[in-house]
Amino acid sequence: MFTGIVEELGTIVDTVPVGGDATDAVRLVVHGPEVTSDASPGDSIAVNGVCLTVTELDGGRFGADVMKETLDRSNLGALTAGSPVNLERAAKVSARLGGHIVQGHVDGTGVVTERVPGTDWETVTFSLPPHLSRYVVEKGSIAVDGVSLTVAARTDDSFTVSLIPTTLRETTLGFAAAGTRVNLEVDIVAKYVESLLGERVGGAR
């Protein structure tokens, strides 16, 4: 589990096809000295909001295998050497929940459609896939490339957030231009509520 509070802006060092086919699986090699400072093989690190398992460690770098399902559902398949990525270690039970509960299981992707600069912040609008629209509400939480954000406004096919200077400076969202594809994870609580209510209605006599 994660909180959506990015710890470090890392860099992709290499993408290596696993089994000889980059469309089936790849091993990402990521430079992230802060998140690897106390890491061990088998630990979880979120890369752009995707929970990955550390397979190897080497001098501030870690490797993680990414399967086809993840490549299809996220923007990790588009990463190349030099790409910046948001990194977060799995949360400790004793840690403060500074963002919201983030599983690292991407529900889909959106695209940056507009950026409007303000005095000390920016308002950014993202497209919203139809199958995720019902889970997004104004003042609710959503993870965008692993960053916990509060929804400022929502339409049927888009949502808008306001990015503070820290987020602009310390995450990839600070320089994601219009057209950039981003990973989206909606609030898990909304999905559980929908499932429970569906079972209750469906099981009513």
N, C-alpha and C. Protein backbone atom coordinates (compact mmCIF):
# COMPACT_ATOMS: atom_id res chain seq x y z
N MET A 1 0.83 -1.19 0.00
CA MET A 1 0.00 0.00 0.00
C MET A 1 0.87 1.25 0.00
N PHE A 2 0.36 2.32 -0.63
CA PHE A 2 1.08 3.58 -0.73
C PHE A 2 0.15 4.72 -0.29
N THR A 3 0.71 5.92 -0.23
CA THR A 3 -0.10 7.07 0.19
C THR A 3 -0.23 8.13 -0.89
N GLY A 4 0.49 7.97 -1.99
CA GLY A 4 0.43 8.97 -3.05
C GLY A 4 1.28 10.20 -2.79
N ILE A 5 2.19 10.09 -1.82
CA ILE A 5 3.14 11.18 -1.54
C ILE A 5 4.48 10.78 -2.16
N VAL A 6 4.80 11.36 -3.30
CA VAL A 6 6.02 10.99 -4.03
C VAL A 6 7.25 11.35 -3.21
N GLU A 7 8.16 10.38 -3.09
CA GLU A 7 9.38 10.60 -2.30
C GLU A 7 10.55 11.10 -3.14
N GLU A 8 10.53 10.73 -4.41
CA GLU A 8 11.71 11.02 -5.23
C GLU A 8 11.34 11.02 -6.70
N LEU A 9 11.95 11.92 -7.43
CA LEU A 9 11.83 11.94 -8.89
C LEU A 9 13.00 11.13 -9.44
N GLY A 10 12.73 9.92 -9.88
CA GLY A 10 13.77 9.04 -10.37
C GLY A 10 13.91 9.11 -11.87
N THR A 11 14.79 8.26 -12.41
CA THR A 11 15.06 8.25 -13.85
C THR A 11 15.17 6.81 -14.34
N ILE A 12 14.57 6.54 -15.48
CA ILE A 12 14.73 5.23 -16.11
C ILE A 12 16.14 5.14 -16.69
N VAL A 13 16.86 4.10 -16.29
CA VAL A 13 18.22 3.88 -16.80
C VAL A 13 18.19 3.01 -18.04
N ASP A 14 17.31 1.99 -18.02
CA ASP A 14 17.26 1.07 -19.16
C ASP A 14 15.93 0.31 -19.12
N THR A 15 15.51 -0.15 -20.28
CA THR A 15 14.36 -1.05 -20.39
C THR A 15 14.84 -2.27 -21.17
N VAL A 16 14.75 -3.44 -20.53
CA VAL A 16 15.29 -4.66 -21.12
C VAL A 16 14.17 -5.65 -21.38
N PRO A 17 13.97 -6.07 -22.64
CA PRO A 17 12.94 -7.07 -22.92
C PRO A 17 13.20 -8.35 -22.14
N VAL A 18 12.13 -8.93 -21.61
CA VAL A 18 12.23 -10.21 -20.90
C VAL A 18 11.70 -11.28 -21.84
N GLY A 19 12.54 -12.26 -22.13
CA GLY A 19 12.14 -13.31 -23.06
C GLY A 19 12.26 -12.89 -24.50
N GLY A 20 12.91 -11.76 -24.76
CA GLY A 20 13.17 -11.35 -26.13
C GLY A 20 12.06 -10.57 -26.79
N ASP A 21 10.96 -10.31 -26.09
CA ASP A 21 9.83 -9.60 -26.69
C ASP A 21 9.40 -8.47 -25.78
N ALA A 22 9.67 -7.22 -26.18
CA ALA A 22 9.38 -6.06 -25.34
C ALA A 22 7.88 -5.81 -25.19
N THR A 23 7.06 -6.42 -26.06
CA THR A 23 5.61 -6.24 -25.93
C THR A 23 5.02 -7.20 -24.91
N ASP A 24 5.78 -8.21 -24.50
CA ASP A 24 5.29 -9.20 -23.56
C ASP A 24 5.68 -8.85 -22.12
N ALA A 25 6.91 -8.48 -21.91
CA ALA A 25 7.39 -8.12 -20.58
C ALA A 25 8.72 -7.38 -20.71
N VAL A 26 8.98 -6.47 -19.79
CA VAL A 26 10.26 -5.76 -19.77
C VAL A 26 10.76 -5.67 -18.34
N ARG A 27 12.05 -5.53 -18.21
CA ARG A 27 12.65 -5.23 -16.91
C ARG A 27 13.07 -3.76 -16.93
N LEU A 28 12.48 -3.00 -16.02
CA LEU A 28 12.87 -1.60 -15.89
C LEU A 28 14.03 -1.49 -14.92
N VAL A 29 15.03 -0.72 -15.30
CA VAL A 29 16.13 -0.40 -14.39
C VAL A 29 15.97 1.08 -14.06
N VAL A 30 15.82 1.39 -12.79
CA VAL A 30 15.45 2.73 -12.35
C VAL A 30 16.48 3.28 -11.38
N HIS A 31 16.89 4.52 -11.61
CA HIS A 31 17.79 5.20 -10.68
C HIS A 31 16.94 5.93 -9.64
N GLY A 32 17.14 5.54 -8.38
CA GLY A 32 16.38 6.16 -7.29
C GLY A 32 17.10 5.94 -5.98
N PRO A 33 18.14 6.72 -5.70
CA PRO A 33 18.95 6.49 -4.51
C PRO A 33 18.20 6.62 -3.19
N GLU A 34 17.17 7.48 -3.15
CA GLU A 34 16.45 7.63 -1.89
C GLU A 34 15.58 6.41 -1.60
N VAL A 35 14.81 5.97 -2.59
CA VAL A 35 13.90 4.85 -2.34
C VAL A 35 14.65 3.52 -2.23
N THR A 36 15.89 3.45 -2.71
CA THR A 36 16.66 2.22 -2.59
C THR A 36 17.56 2.22 -1.36
N SER A 37 17.57 3.31 -0.60
CA SER A 37 18.49 3.43 0.53
C SER A 37 18.27 2.35 1.59
N ASP A 38 17.03 1.86 1.73
CA ASP A 38 16.76 0.80 2.70
C ASP A 38 15.98 -0.34 2.06
N ALA A 39 16.09 -0.46 0.73
CA ALA A 39 15.31 -1.47 0.01
C ALA A 39 16.02 -2.81 -0.02
N SER A 40 15.23 -3.86 -0.19
CA SER A 40 15.73 -5.21 -0.36
C SER A 40 14.95 -5.87 -1.49
N PRO A 41 15.54 -6.87 -2.14
CA PRO A 41 14.78 -7.59 -3.17
C PRO A 41 13.48 -8.12 -2.58
N GLY A 42 12.40 -7.96 -3.33
CA GLY A 42 11.09 -8.37 -2.85
C GLY A 42 10.26 -7.23 -2.32
N ASP A 43 10.89 -6.08 -2.05
CA ASP A 43 10.14 -4.91 -1.58
C ASP A 43 9.32 -4.32 -2.72
N SER A 44 8.33 -3.52 -2.35
CA SER A 44 7.48 -2.85 -3.34
C SER A 44 7.85 -1.38 -3.45
N ILE A 45 7.97 -0.92 -4.68
CA ILE A 45 8.18 0.51 -4.97
C ILE A 45 7.21 0.89 -6.08
N ALA A 46 6.50 2.00 -5.89
CA ALA A 46 5.57 2.48 -6.92
C ALA A 46 6.34 3.34 -7.92
N VAL A 47 6.19 3.01 -9.19
CA VAL A 47 6.81 3.75 -10.29
C VAL A 47 5.67 4.37 -11.10
N ASN A 48 5.56 5.69 -11.07
CA ASN A 48 4.43 6.37 -11.71
C ASN A 48 3.10 5.78 -11.24
N GLY A 49 3.06 5.41 -9.96
CA GLY A 49 1.82 4.90 -9.38
C GLY A 49 1.58 3.43 -9.56
N VAL A 50 2.49 2.72 -10.21
CA VAL A 50 2.34 1.28 -10.43
C VAL A 50 3.21 0.53 -9.42
N CYS A 51 2.59 -0.33 -8.64
CA CYS A 51 3.32 -1.11 -7.65
C CYS A 51 4.18 -2.16 -8.34
N LEU A 52 5.50 -2.07 -8.18
CA LEU A 52 6.43 -3.02 -8.77
C LEU A 52 7.27 -3.68 -7.68
N THR A 53 7.70 -4.90 -7.93
CA THR A 53 8.52 -5.64 -6.98
C THR A 53 9.99 -5.53 -7.35
N VAL A 54 10.80 -5.13 -6.40
CA VAL A 54 12.25 -5.02 -6.62
C VAL A 54 12.84 -6.40 -6.83
N THR A 55 13.52 -6.57 -7.96
CA THR A 55 14.16 -7.86 -8.25
C THR A 55 15.67 -7.80 -8.07
N GLU A 56 16.24 -6.59 -8.18
CA GLU A 56 17.69 -6.46 -8.03
C GLU A 56 18.02 -5.04 -7.60
N LEU A 57 19.15 -4.90 -6.93
CA LEU A 57 19.61 -3.59 -6.45
C LEU A 57 21.08 -3.43 -6.80
N ASP A 58 21.44 -2.22 -7.21
CA ASP A 58 22.84 -1.97 -7.59
C ASP A 58 23.14 -0.49 -7.51
N GLY A 59 23.77 -0.05 -6.43
CA GLY A 59 24.27 1.32 -6.31
C GLY A 59 23.26 2.39 -6.58
N GLY A 60 22.14 2.37 -5.88
CA GLY A 60 21.12 3.41 -6.07
C GLY A 60 20.16 3.12 -7.20
N ARG A 61 20.31 1.98 -7.82
CA ARG A 61 19.41 1.57 -8.89
C ARG A 61 18.66 0.31 -8.47
N PHE A 62 17.47 0.13 -9.03
CA PHE A 62 16.75 -1.12 -8.80
C PHE A 62 16.13 -1.60 -10.10
N GLY A 63 15.97 -2.90 -10.19
CA GLY A 63 15.32 -3.50 -11.34
C GLY A 63 13.97 -4.05 -10.94
N ALA A 64 13.01 -4.00 -11.85
CA ALA A 64 11.68 -4.54 -11.61
C ALA A 64 11.10 -5.04 -12.92
N ASP A 65 10.49 -6.21 -12.87
CA ASP A 65 9.89 -6.78 -14.07
C ASP A 65 8.45 -6.29 -14.22
N VAL A 66 8.08 -5.94 -15.45
CA VAL A 66 6.74 -5.42 -15.75
C VAL A 66 6.10 -6.33 -16.79
N MET A 67 4.98 -6.95 -16.40
CA MET A 67 4.30 -7.89 -17.28
C MET A 67 3.39 -7.18 -18.29
N LYS A 68 2.92 -7.93 -19.29
CA LYS A 68 2.10 -7.39 -20.37
C LYS A 68 0.85 -6.70 -19.85
N GLU A 69 0.19 -7.28 -18.86
CA GLU A 69 -1.03 -6.68 -18.31
C GLU A 69 -0.76 -5.26 -17.83
N THR A 70 0.37 -5.07 -17.14
CA THR A 70 0.73 -3.74 -16.64
C THR A 70 1.11 -2.81 -17.78
N LEU A 71 1.84 -3.31 -18.76
CA LEU A 71 2.23 -2.50 -19.91
C LEU A 71 0.99 -2.01 -20.67
N ASP A 72 -0.02 -2.87 -20.76
CA ASP A 72 -1.25 -2.52 -21.48
C ASP A 72 -2.10 -1.50 -20.73
N ARG A 73 -2.08 -1.56 -19.40
CA ARG A 73 -2.98 -0.73 -18.60
C ARG A 73 -2.37 0.59 -18.13
N SER A 74 -1.07 0.75 -18.32
CA SER A 74 -0.38 1.92 -17.77
C SER A 74 0.49 2.57 -18.82
N ASN A 75 1.20 3.63 -18.40
CA ASN A 75 2.11 4.32 -19.32
C ASN A 75 3.54 3.80 -19.21
N LEU A 76 3.75 2.72 -18.46
CA LEU A 76 5.12 2.23 -18.28
C LEU A 76 5.73 1.71 -19.57
N GLY A 77 4.89 1.23 -20.48
CA GLY A 77 5.40 0.71 -21.74
C GLY A 77 6.02 1.77 -22.62
N ALA A 78 5.71 3.03 -22.36
CA ALA A 78 6.24 4.13 -23.18
C ALA A 78 7.53 4.70 -22.61
N LEU A 79 7.96 4.21 -21.45
CA LEU A 79 9.17 4.74 -20.82
C LEU A 79 10.41 4.29 -21.58
N THR A 80 11.38 5.19 -21.67
CA THR A 80 12.67 4.88 -22.29
C THR A 80 13.77 5.41 -21.38
N ALA A 81 15.01 5.07 -21.69
CA ALA A 81 16.15 5.56 -20.91
C ALA A 81 16.11 7.08 -20.84
N GLY A 82 16.19 7.61 -19.63
CA GLY A 82 16.15 9.05 -19.43
C GLY A 82 14.79 9.57 -18.99
N SER A 83 13.74 8.75 -19.11
CA SER A 83 12.40 9.20 -18.70
C SER A 83 12.35 9.42 -17.19
N PRO A 84 11.81 10.56 -16.74
CA PRO A 84 11.63 10.78 -15.31
C PRO A 84 10.41 10.02 -14.81
N VAL A 85 10.47 9.54 -13.58
CA VAL A 85 9.35 8.79 -13.00
C VAL A 85 9.18 9.16 -11.53
N ASN A 86 7.93 9.11 -11.07
CA ASN A 86 7.63 9.33 -9.66
C ASN A 86 7.85 8.04 -8.89
N LEU A 87 8.55 8.14 -7.77
CA LEU A 87 8.87 6.96 -6.97
C LEU A 87 8.36 7.11 -5.54
N GLU A 88 7.82 6.02 -5.01
CA GLU A 88 7.39 5.99 -3.60
C GLU A 88 7.55 4.58 -3.06
N ARG A 89 8.17 4.48 -1.89
CA ARG A 89 8.25 3.19 -1.21
C ARG A 89 6.90 2.83 -0.58
N ALA A 90 6.68 1.55 -0.37
CA ALA A 90 5.46 1.12 0.30
C ALA A 90 5.40 1.77 1.68
N ALA A 91 4.19 2.13 2.11
CA ALA A 91 4.02 2.83 3.38
C ALA A 91 4.24 1.88 4.56
N LYS A 92 4.84 2.41 5.62
CA LYS A 92 4.94 1.66 6.86
C LYS A 92 3.64 1.79 7.63
N VAL A 93 3.31 0.78 8.41
CA VAL A 93 2.07 0.81 9.18
C VAL A 93 2.07 2.00 10.14
N SER A 94 3.25 2.40 10.61
CA SER A 94 3.35 3.48 11.59
C SER A 94 3.40 4.87 10.95
N ALA A 95 3.41 4.92 9.59
CA ALA A 95 3.57 6.20 8.91
C ALA A 95 2.26 6.99 8.90
N ARG A 96 2.38 8.32 8.82
CA ARG A 96 1.21 9.17 8.66
C ARG A 96 0.67 9.00 7.23
N LEU A 97 -0.64 8.95 7.11
CA LEU A 97 -1.28 8.83 5.80
C LEU A 97 -1.47 10.22 5.24
N GLY A 98 -0.41 10.77 4.64
CA GLY A 98 -0.44 12.15 4.18
C GLY A 98 -1.30 12.37 2.96
N GLY A 99 -1.50 11.33 2.14
CA GLY A 99 -2.33 11.45 0.95
C GLY A 99 -3.64 10.70 1.14
N HIS A 100 -3.79 9.56 0.42
CA HIS A 100 -4.93 8.68 0.64
C HIS A 100 -4.47 7.26 0.34
N ILE A 101 -5.33 6.29 0.57
CA ILE A 101 -4.95 4.90 0.36
C ILE A 101 -4.79 4.63 -1.13
N VAL A 102 -3.57 4.30 -1.54
CA VAL A 102 -3.25 4.02 -2.94
C VAL A 102 -2.68 2.61 -3.01
N GLN A 103 -3.26 1.77 -3.85
CA GLN A 103 -2.81 0.39 -3.93
C GLN A 103 -1.66 0.17 -4.92
N GLY A 104 -1.52 1.09 -5.86
CA GLY A 104 -0.52 0.87 -6.90
C GLY A 104 -1.06 -0.02 -8.01
N HIS A 105 -2.39 -0.16 -8.07
CA HIS A 105 -3.06 -0.94 -9.12
C HIS A 105 -3.78 0.04 -10.05
N VAL A 106 -3.18 0.34 -11.17
CA VAL A 106 -3.71 1.35 -12.08
C VAL A 106 -5.03 0.89 -12.70
N ASP A 107 -6.03 1.76 -12.68
CA ASP A 107 -7.35 1.45 -13.23
C ASP A 107 -7.47 1.81 -14.70
N GLY A 108 -6.63 2.70 -15.17
CA GLY A 108 -6.68 3.14 -16.56
C GLY A 108 -5.76 4.33 -16.75
N THR A 109 -5.81 4.91 -17.91
CA THR A 109 -4.97 6.07 -18.18
C THR A 109 -5.81 7.22 -18.71
N GLY A 110 -5.30 8.43 -18.49
CA GLY A 110 -5.89 9.64 -19.03
C GLY A 110 -4.83 10.44 -19.75
N VAL A 111 -5.22 11.60 -20.24
CA VAL A 111 -4.29 12.46 -20.98
C VAL A 111 -4.42 13.88 -20.46
N VAL A 112 -3.29 14.57 -20.31
CA VAL A 112 -3.32 15.98 -19.96
C VAL A 112 -3.96 16.74 -21.12
N THR A 113 -5.05 17.48 -20.84
CA THR A 113 -5.73 18.21 -21.91
C THR A 113 -5.53 19.72 -21.83
N GLU A 114 -5.20 20.22 -20.62
CA GLU A 114 -5.03 21.67 -20.48
C GLU A 114 -4.24 21.99 -19.22
N ARG A 115 -3.42 23.03 -19.32
CA ARG A 115 -2.68 23.56 -18.16
C ARG A 115 -2.92 25.06 -18.11
N VAL A 116 -3.35 25.55 -16.94
CA VAL A 116 -3.58 26.98 -16.76
C VAL A 116 -2.74 27.45 -15.58
N PRO A 117 -1.68 28.24 -15.82
CA PRO A 117 -0.82 28.70 -14.73
C PRO A 117 -1.51 29.75 -13.87
N GLY A 118 -1.23 29.69 -12.55
CA GLY A 118 -1.71 30.70 -11.62
C GLY A 118 -0.53 31.42 -11.01
N THR A 119 -0.77 32.17 -9.96
CA THR A 119 0.31 32.92 -9.31
C THR A 119 1.35 31.99 -8.70
N ASP A 120 0.88 31.01 -7.92
CA ASP A 120 1.80 30.08 -7.25
C ASP A 120 1.45 28.62 -7.52
N TRP A 121 0.55 28.37 -8.43
CA TRP A 121 0.11 27.01 -8.69
C TRP A 121 -0.32 26.90 -10.15
N GLU A 122 -0.72 25.69 -10.54
CA GLU A 122 -1.28 25.48 -11.88
C GLU A 122 -2.53 24.64 -11.78
N THR A 123 -3.49 24.95 -12.60
CA THR A 123 -4.68 24.13 -12.73
C THR A 123 -4.51 23.24 -13.95
N VAL A 124 -4.65 21.94 -13.75
CA VAL A 124 -4.41 20.98 -14.82
C VAL A 124 -5.65 20.11 -15.01
N THR A 125 -6.04 19.93 -16.25
CA THR A 125 -7.21 19.11 -16.59
C THR A 125 -6.76 17.85 -17.32
N PHE A 126 -7.38 16.73 -16.95
CA PHE A 126 -7.07 15.43 -17.53
C PHE A 126 -8.34 14.81 -18.13
N SER A 127 -8.18 14.05 -19.19
CA SER A 127 -9.31 13.29 -19.70
C SER A 127 -9.62 12.16 -18.73
N LEU A 128 -10.89 11.75 -18.71
CA LEU A 128 -11.34 10.72 -17.77
C LEU A 128 -12.05 9.61 -18.55
N PRO A 129 -11.50 8.41 -18.54
CA PRO A 129 -12.15 7.30 -19.27
C PRO A 129 -13.56 7.05 -18.76
N PRO A 130 -14.49 6.72 -19.63
CA PRO A 130 -15.89 6.52 -19.23
C PRO A 130 -16.08 5.51 -18.11
N HIS A 131 -15.28 4.43 -18.10
CA HIS A 131 -15.48 3.40 -17.08
C HIS A 131 -15.00 3.82 -15.69
N LEU A 132 -14.31 4.97 -15.60
CA LEU A 132 -13.84 5.45 -14.30
C LEU A 132 -14.62 6.66 -13.80
N SER A 133 -15.43 7.24 -14.66
CA SER A 133 -16.10 8.50 -14.34
C SER A 133 -16.92 8.42 -13.06
N ARG A 134 -17.62 7.31 -12.85
CA ARG A 134 -18.52 7.22 -11.69
C ARG A 134 -17.78 7.17 -10.36
N TYR A 135 -16.49 6.89 -10.38
CA TYR A 135 -15.72 6.80 -9.14
C TYR A 135 -15.07 8.13 -8.74
N VAL A 136 -15.18 9.13 -9.59
CA VAL A 136 -14.49 10.41 -9.36
C VAL A 136 -15.52 11.47 -8.97
N VAL A 137 -15.27 12.13 -7.83
CA VAL A 137 -16.20 13.16 -7.34
C VAL A 137 -15.41 14.40 -6.95
N GLU A 138 -16.05 15.55 -7.02
CA GLU A 138 -15.41 16.79 -6.58
C GLU A 138 -15.02 16.68 -5.11
N LYS A 139 -13.81 17.12 -4.81
CA LYS A 139 -13.22 17.10 -3.47
C LYS A 139 -12.84 15.69 -3.03
N GLY A 140 -12.99 14.72 -3.93
CA GLY A 140 -12.54 13.38 -3.64
C GLY A 140 -11.08 13.21 -4.04
N SER A 141 -10.55 12.02 -3.80
CA SER A 141 -9.14 11.76 -4.08
C SER A 141 -8.97 10.91 -5.33
N ILE A 142 -7.86 11.15 -6.03
CA ILE A 142 -7.47 10.34 -7.18
C ILE A 142 -5.96 10.35 -7.26
N ALA A 143 -5.36 9.25 -7.69
CA ALA A 143 -3.91 9.19 -7.88
C ALA A 143 -3.60 9.34 -9.37
N VAL A 144 -2.76 10.30 -9.70
CA VAL A 144 -2.34 10.54 -11.08
C VAL A 144 -0.84 10.33 -11.16
N ASP A 145 -0.42 9.32 -11.90
CA ASP A 145 1.00 8.93 -11.94
C ASP A 145 1.56 8.75 -10.53
N GLY A 146 0.70 8.22 -9.64
CA GLY A 146 1.13 7.94 -8.27
C GLY A 146 1.06 9.10 -7.32
N VAL A 147 0.58 10.25 -7.78
CA VAL A 147 0.49 11.45 -6.94
C VAL A 147 -0.93 11.58 -6.40
N SER A 148 -1.09 11.63 -5.09
CA SER A 148 -2.40 11.80 -4.48
C SER A 148 -2.87 13.24 -4.69
N LEU A 149 -4.02 13.39 -5.35
CA LEU A 149 -4.55 14.71 -5.67
C LEU A 149 -6.01 14.82 -5.29
N THR A 150 -6.46 16.05 -5.04
CA THR A 150 -7.86 16.32 -4.75
C THR A 150 -8.53 16.86 -6.01
N VAL A 151 -9.65 16.27 -6.35
CA VAL A 151 -10.39 16.69 -7.55
C VAL A 151 -11.07 18.03 -7.28
N ALA A 152 -10.73 19.03 -8.08
CA ALA A 152 -11.32 20.36 -7.92
C ALA A 152 -12.62 20.50 -8.71
N ALA A 153 -12.69 19.83 -9.85
CA ALA A 153 -13.88 19.88 -10.69
C ALA A 153 -13.91 18.64 -11.55
N ARG A 154 -15.12 18.27 -11.98
CA ARG A 154 -15.27 17.05 -12.77
C ARG A 154 -16.41 17.20 -13.76
N THR A 155 -16.20 16.68 -14.97
CA THR A 155 -17.29 16.54 -15.94
C THR A 155 -17.42 15.05 -16.24
N ASP A 156 -18.26 14.70 -17.19
CA ASP A 156 -18.43 13.28 -17.53
C ASP A 156 -17.16 12.67 -18.11
N ASP A 157 -16.32 13.49 -18.74
CA ASP A 157 -15.15 12.94 -19.41
C ASP A 157 -13.84 13.64 -19.05
N SER A 158 -13.83 14.39 -17.94
CA SER A 158 -12.59 15.06 -17.53
C SER A 158 -12.64 15.40 -16.05
N PHE A 159 -11.47 15.67 -15.49
CA PHE A 159 -11.41 16.20 -14.13
C PHE A 159 -10.24 17.18 -14.04
N THR A 160 -10.34 18.08 -13.08
CA THR A 160 -9.35 19.15 -12.93
C THR A 160 -8.80 19.14 -11.52
N VAL A 161 -7.50 19.38 -11.41
CA VAL A 161 -6.84 19.48 -10.11
C VAL A 161 -6.00 20.75 -10.07
N SER A 162 -5.67 21.19 -8.86
CA SER A 162 -4.77 22.33 -8.69
C SER A 162 -3.46 21.81 -8.10
N LEU A 163 -2.36 22.11 -8.75
CA LEU A 163 -1.05 21.62 -8.32
C LEU A 163 -0.28 22.70 -7.58
N ILE A 164 0.11 22.39 -6.35
CA ILE A 164 0.86 23.33 -5.54
C ILE A 164 2.33 23.34 -5.97
N PRO A 165 3.10 24.34 -5.56
CA PRO A 165 4.50 24.42 -6.00
C PRO A 165 5.32 23.16 -5.72
N THR A 166 5.10 22.52 -4.57
CA THR A 166 5.86 21.31 -4.25
C THR A 166 5.60 20.21 -5.28
N THR A 167 4.34 20.02 -5.64
CA THR A 167 3.99 19.00 -6.64
C THR A 167 4.56 19.36 -8.00
N LEU A 168 4.51 20.62 -8.36
CA LEU A 168 5.06 21.07 -9.64
C LEU A 168 6.57 20.85 -9.69
N ARG A 169 7.22 21.04 -8.56
CA ARG A 169 8.68 20.97 -8.50
C ARG A 169 9.21 19.54 -8.36
N GLU A 170 8.49 18.70 -7.64
CA GLU A 170 9.05 17.42 -7.22
C GLU A 170 8.41 16.19 -7.86
N THR A 171 7.50 16.38 -8.82
CA THR A 171 6.90 15.24 -9.52
C THR A 171 6.87 15.49 -11.02
N THR A 172 6.59 14.45 -11.76
CA THR A 172 6.52 14.57 -13.22
C THR A 172 5.35 15.44 -13.68
N LEU A 173 4.37 15.64 -12.80
CA LEU A 173 3.22 16.45 -13.19
C LEU A 173 3.59 17.91 -13.40
N GLY A 174 4.74 18.32 -12.89
CA GLY A 174 5.18 19.69 -13.05
C GLY A 174 5.52 20.05 -14.48
N PHE A 175 5.84 19.05 -15.29
CA PHE A 175 6.23 19.34 -16.68
C PHE A 175 5.52 18.43 -17.68
N ALA A 176 4.40 17.84 -17.26
CA ALA A 176 3.63 16.99 -18.18
C ALA A 176 2.82 17.88 -19.12
N ALA A 177 3.24 17.94 -20.37
CA ALA A 177 2.59 18.82 -21.35
C ALA A 177 1.27 18.24 -21.82
N ALA A 178 0.47 19.07 -22.45
CA ALA A 178 -0.79 18.60 -23.04
C ALA A 178 -0.50 17.44 -23.98
N GLY A 179 -1.29 16.39 -23.84
CA GLY A 179 -1.08 15.18 -24.65
C GLY A 179 -0.35 14.08 -23.91
N THR A 180 0.23 14.40 -22.76
CA THR A 180 0.96 13.40 -21.98
C THR A 180 -0.01 12.39 -21.37
N ARG A 181 0.30 11.11 -21.53
CA ARG A 181 -0.53 10.04 -20.97
C ARG A 181 -0.13 9.79 -19.51
N VAL A 182 -1.12 9.69 -18.64
CA VAL A 182 -0.86 9.51 -17.21
C VAL A 182 -1.64 8.32 -16.68
N ASN A 183 -1.11 7.70 -15.63
CA ASN A 183 -1.78 6.58 -14.97
C ASN A 183 -2.80 7.11 -13.97
N LEU A 184 -3.97 6.48 -13.92
CA LEU A 184 -5.02 6.87 -13.00
C LEU A 184 -5.40 5.70 -12.10
N GLU A 185 -5.49 5.99 -10.81
CA GLU A 185 -6.05 5.02 -9.86
C GLU A 185 -7.11 5.74 -9.04
N VAL A 186 -8.34 5.27 -9.15
CA VAL A 186 -9.43 5.91 -8.40
C VAL A 186 -9.43 5.42 -6.97
N ASP A 187 -10.20 6.08 -6.13
CA ASP A 187 -10.27 5.75 -4.71
C ASP A 187 -10.85 4.35 -4.52
N ILE A 188 -10.10 3.46 -3.87
CA ILE A 188 -10.53 2.09 -3.66
C ILE A 188 -11.82 2.02 -2.85
N VAL A 189 -12.05 3.00 -1.97
CA VAL A 189 -13.26 3.00 -1.15
C VAL A 189 -14.50 3.07 -2.04
N ALA A 190 -14.45 3.88 -3.09
CA ALA A 190 -15.59 4.02 -4.00
C ALA A 190 -15.90 2.70 -4.68
N LYS A 191 -14.88 1.95 -5.05
CA LYS A 191 -15.10 0.67 -5.73
C LYS A 191 -15.69 -0.36 -4.78
N TYR A 192 -15.23 -0.36 -3.53
CA TYR A 192 -15.78 -1.29 -2.55
C TYR A 192 -17.25 -0.97 -2.25
N VAL A 193 -17.55 0.32 -2.10
CA VAL A 193 -18.93 0.72 -1.83
C VAL A 193 -19.84 0.27 -2.98
N GLU A 194 -19.41 0.50 -4.21
CA GLU A 194 -20.20 0.08 -5.36
C GLU A 194 -20.43 -1.42 -5.35
N SER A 195 -19.38 -2.18 -5.06
CA SER A 195 -19.50 -3.63 -5.05
C SER A 195 -20.46 -4.12 -3.97
N LEU A 196 -20.34 -3.55 -2.77
CA LEU A 196 -21.20 -3.96 -1.66
C LEU A 196 -22.66 -3.59 -1.91
N LEU A 197 -22.90 -2.39 -2.42
CA LEU A 197 -24.27 -1.99 -2.71
C LEU A 197 -24.87 -2.83 -3.84
N GLY A 198 -24.03 -3.17 -4.82
CA GLY A 198 -24.50 -4.02 -5.91
C GLY A 198 -24.92 -5.38 -5.43
N GLU A 199 -24.12 -5.96 -4.52
CA GLU A 199 -24.47 -7.26 -3.96
C GLU A 199 -25.74 -7.17 -3.13
N ARG A 200 -25.87 -6.07 -2.39
CA ARG A 200 -27.04 -5.92 -1.55
C ARG A 200 -28.32 -5.79 -2.38
N VAL A 201 -28.25 -4.99 -3.44
CA VAL A 201 -29.42 -4.81 -4.31
C VAL A 201 -29.69 -6.11 -5.07
N GLY A 202 -28.63 -6.73 -5.56
CA GLY A 202 -28.81 -7.94 -6.33
C GLY A 202 -29.31 -9.11 -5.48
N GLY A 203 -28.95 -9.08 -4.19
CA GLY A 203 -29.35 -10.20 -3.31
C GLY A 203 -30.63 -9.93 -2.56
N ALA A 204 -31.26 -8.75 -2.78
CA ALA A 204 -32.48 -8.40 -2.05
C ALA A 204 -33.63 -9.32 -2.47
N ARG A 205 -34.50 -9.63 -1.53
CA ARG A 205 -35.68 -10.46 -1.78
C ARG A 205 -36.94 -9.72 -1.40
